[in-house]
Structures are given as structure tokens and as C-alpha cells.
Amino acid sequence: MKKNIGTIDMIIRIVIGLAIGVVGYLNSSWFGLIGIIPVATAFIGFCPAYTLFNWNTSKKEEVK
């Protein structure tokens, strides 16, 4: 798996994932478990949906 999530994208995913989790917890709902998905993809650095659309928010590696 080649990383396709950049730093800013990673931060946004963590914030949104945690917000979804908190809202789900405060409402005593299973909805909060959906927040695991953006947090997990942020820590892994790979988003399967990005490969479908050929998106990449990470910086390109320079060739030496």
C-alpha cells in the first residue's frame, strides 16, 4: 500500500473522526463507531476510496 494521505488531510480526518465519535457517545448511539474509519485511515496513511478516484494528497517523493 502506497500512502496517499497528506499531513493536512490526516489532521482533518482525525478531527472529524473524533468529533463523530464524541457526538455518537453523547447521544448514546452506535453512530459514533463510524468515526473509527477516518481515524484509522489517517493513522494508516492510506484511503481505499482515493485509489478509486486516483487522488493523492501526500507530497510526491523526489527522485534522486
N, C-alpha and C. Protein backbone atom coordinates (compact mmCIF):
# COMPACT_ATOMS: atom_id res chain seq x y z
N MET A 1 0.83 -1.18 0.00
CA MET A 1 0.00 0.00 0.00
C MET A 1 0.88 1.24 0.00
N LYS A 2 0.67 2.06 -0.99
CA LYS A 2 1.39 3.32 -1.07
C LYS A 2 0.56 4.39 -0.38
N LYS A 3 1.20 5.17 0.46
CA LYS A 3 0.48 6.21 1.21
C LYS A 3 -0.08 7.25 0.24
N ASN A 4 -1.35 7.61 0.47
CA ASN A 4 -1.99 8.61 -0.38
C ASN A 4 -2.70 9.69 0.42
N ILE A 5 -2.36 9.82 1.70
CA ILE A 5 -2.95 10.83 2.57
C ILE A 5 -1.85 11.75 3.08
N GLY A 6 -2.02 13.04 2.84
CA GLY A 6 -1.05 14.04 3.28
C GLY A 6 -1.28 14.46 4.73
N THR A 7 -0.41 15.33 5.21
CA THR A 7 -0.45 15.76 6.61
C THR A 7 -1.73 16.52 6.95
N ILE A 8 -2.11 17.48 6.13
CA ILE A 8 -3.31 18.26 6.41
C ILE A 8 -4.54 17.36 6.34
N ASP A 9 -4.59 16.50 5.35
CA ASP A 9 -5.70 15.55 5.21
C ASP A 9 -5.77 14.64 6.44
N MET A 10 -4.62 14.23 6.94
CA MET A 10 -4.56 13.36 8.12
C MET A 10 -5.14 14.07 9.35
N ILE A 11 -4.76 15.32 9.55
CA ILE A 11 -5.26 16.08 10.69
C ILE A 11 -6.77 16.27 10.60
N ILE A 12 -7.26 16.59 9.41
CA ILE A 12 -8.70 16.78 9.21
C ILE A 12 -9.45 15.49 9.51
N ARG A 13 -8.92 14.36 9.06
CA ARG A 13 -9.57 13.07 9.29
C ARG A 13 -9.63 12.73 10.78
N ILE A 14 -8.56 13.02 11.50
CA ILE A 14 -8.54 12.74 12.94
C ILE A 14 -9.57 13.60 13.66
N VAL A 15 -9.61 14.89 13.34
CA VAL A 15 -10.56 15.81 13.99
C VAL A 15 -12.00 15.39 13.70
N ILE A 16 -12.30 15.11 12.44
CA ILE A 16 -13.67 14.72 12.07
C ILE A 16 -14.04 13.39 12.70
N GLY A 17 -13.12 12.43 12.68
CA GLY A 17 -13.39 11.13 13.27
C GLY A 17 -13.66 11.21 14.76
N LEU A 18 -12.86 12.01 15.46
CA LEU A 18 -13.08 12.18 16.90
C LEU A 18 -14.39 12.91 17.18
N ALA A 19 -14.72 13.90 16.34
CA ALA A 19 -15.98 14.63 16.52
C ALA A 19 -17.18 13.70 16.33
N ILE A 20 -17.13 12.84 15.33
CA ILE A 20 -18.21 11.87 15.12
C ILE A 20 -18.31 10.93 16.31
N GLY A 21 -17.18 10.49 16.82
CA GLY A 21 -17.18 9.62 17.99
C GLY A 21 -17.78 10.27 19.21
N VAL A 22 -17.44 11.53 19.45
CA VAL A 22 -17.96 12.26 20.61
C VAL A 22 -19.47 12.47 20.48
N VAL A 23 -19.93 12.84 19.30
CA VAL A 23 -21.37 13.04 19.08
C VAL A 23 -22.12 11.73 19.29
N GLY A 24 -21.56 10.65 18.79
CA GLY A 24 -22.19 9.35 18.99
C GLY A 24 -22.22 8.95 20.46
N TYR A 25 -21.15 9.25 21.17
CA TYR A 25 -21.09 8.92 22.60
C TYR A 25 -22.09 9.75 23.39
N LEU A 26 -22.14 11.05 23.11
CA LEU A 26 -23.04 11.93 23.84
C LEU A 26 -24.51 11.60 23.59
N ASN A 27 -24.81 11.08 22.41
CA ASN A 27 -26.18 10.70 22.08
C ASN A 27 -26.47 9.23 22.37
N SER A 28 -25.52 8.54 22.97
CA SER A 28 -25.66 7.11 23.26
C SER A 28 -26.07 6.33 22.02
N SER A 29 -25.33 6.58 20.94
CA SER A 29 -25.67 5.98 19.65
C SER A 29 -24.48 5.19 19.10
N TRP A 30 -24.78 4.16 18.33
CA TRP A 30 -23.74 3.39 17.66
C TRP A 30 -23.14 4.18 16.50
N PHE A 31 -23.75 5.29 16.16
CA PHE A 31 -23.26 6.16 15.09
C PHE A 31 -21.81 6.58 15.32
N GLY A 32 -21.42 6.71 16.56
CA GLY A 32 -20.07 7.12 16.90
C GLY A 32 -18.98 6.17 16.42
N LEU A 33 -19.35 4.92 16.21
CA LEU A 33 -18.36 3.96 15.72
C LEU A 33 -17.90 4.25 14.29
N ILE A 34 -18.71 4.99 13.55
CA ILE A 34 -18.31 5.37 12.19
C ILE A 34 -17.07 6.26 12.23
N GLY A 35 -16.86 6.96 13.33
CA GLY A 35 -15.68 7.81 13.48
C GLY A 35 -14.37 7.05 13.48
N ILE A 36 -14.43 5.75 13.67
CA ILE A 36 -13.22 4.92 13.64
C ILE A 36 -12.61 4.91 12.24
N ILE A 37 -13.45 4.97 11.21
CA ILE A 37 -12.96 4.86 9.84
C ILE A 37 -12.01 5.99 9.46
N PRO A 38 -12.40 7.27 9.62
CA PRO A 38 -11.44 8.32 9.25
C PRO A 38 -10.19 8.34 10.14
N VAL A 39 -10.34 7.99 11.41
CA VAL A 39 -9.17 7.97 12.29
C VAL A 39 -8.22 6.84 11.88
N ALA A 40 -8.76 5.69 11.56
CA ALA A 40 -7.93 4.56 11.15
C ALA A 40 -7.20 4.85 9.83
N THR A 41 -7.90 5.41 8.86
CA THR A 41 -7.24 5.71 7.59
C THR A 41 -6.19 6.80 7.77
N ALA A 42 -6.40 7.70 8.70
CA ALA A 42 -5.39 8.74 8.96
C ALA A 42 -4.11 8.12 9.51
N PHE A 43 -4.24 7.20 10.47
CA PHE A 43 -3.05 6.58 11.06
C PHE A 43 -2.37 5.61 10.10
N ILE A 44 -3.14 4.96 9.26
CA ILE A 44 -2.55 4.05 8.27
C ILE A 44 -1.88 4.85 7.15
N GLY A 45 -2.49 5.99 6.79
CA GLY A 45 -1.94 6.82 5.73
C GLY A 45 -2.42 6.42 4.35
N PHE A 46 -3.43 5.58 4.30
CA PHE A 46 -3.95 5.07 3.03
C PHE A 46 -5.46 5.09 3.05
N CYS A 47 -6.05 5.64 2.00
CA CYS A 47 -7.51 5.67 1.86
C CYS A 47 -7.89 4.90 0.60
N PRO A 48 -8.62 3.78 0.75
CA PRO A 48 -9.02 3.00 -0.42
C PRO A 48 -9.89 3.79 -1.40
N ALA A 49 -10.71 4.70 -0.90
CA ALA A 49 -11.58 5.49 -1.79
C ALA A 49 -10.74 6.39 -2.70
N TYR A 50 -9.60 6.86 -2.23
CA TYR A 50 -8.75 7.72 -3.04
C TYR A 50 -8.21 6.97 -4.26
N THR A 51 -7.98 5.68 -4.14
CA THR A 51 -7.48 4.92 -5.28
C THR A 51 -8.54 4.80 -6.38
N LEU A 52 -9.81 4.76 -5.99
CA LEU A 52 -10.88 4.69 -6.99
C LEU A 52 -10.93 5.94 -7.86
N PHE A 53 -10.65 7.10 -7.24
CA PHE A 53 -10.70 8.36 -7.97
C PHE A 53 -9.32 8.85 -8.39
N ASN A 54 -8.29 8.07 -8.11
CA ASN A 54 -6.91 8.40 -8.44
C ASN A 54 -6.48 9.72 -7.80
N TRP A 55 -6.84 9.91 -6.52
CA TRP A 55 -6.47 11.10 -5.76
C TRP A 55 -5.28 10.77 -4.88
N ASN A 56 -4.48 11.79 -4.61
CA ASN A 56 -3.32 11.64 -3.72
C ASN A 56 -3.05 13.00 -3.09
N THR A 57 -3.19 13.09 -1.77
CA THR A 57 -2.94 14.37 -1.09
C THR A 57 -1.57 14.41 -0.43
N SER A 58 -0.81 13.35 -0.54
CA SER A 58 0.54 13.35 0.03
C SER A 58 1.51 13.98 -0.96
N LYS A 59 2.61 14.47 -0.43
CA LYS A 59 3.61 15.08 -1.29
C LYS A 59 4.29 13.99 -2.11
N LYS A 60 4.64 14.35 -3.32
CA LYS A 60 5.35 13.41 -4.20
C LYS A 60 6.78 13.28 -3.72
N GLU A 61 7.30 12.06 -3.78
CA GLU A 61 8.68 11.83 -3.39
C GLU A 61 9.60 12.28 -4.52
N GLU A 62 10.66 12.96 -4.15
CA GLU A 62 11.61 13.42 -5.14
C GLU A 62 12.52 12.28 -5.56
N VAL A 63 12.80 12.21 -6.85
CA VAL A 63 13.67 11.17 -7.38
C VAL A 63 15.10 11.66 -7.30
N LYS A 64 15.97 10.81 -6.73
CA LYS A 64 17.38 11.21 -6.60
C LYS A 64 18.17 10.82 -7.81
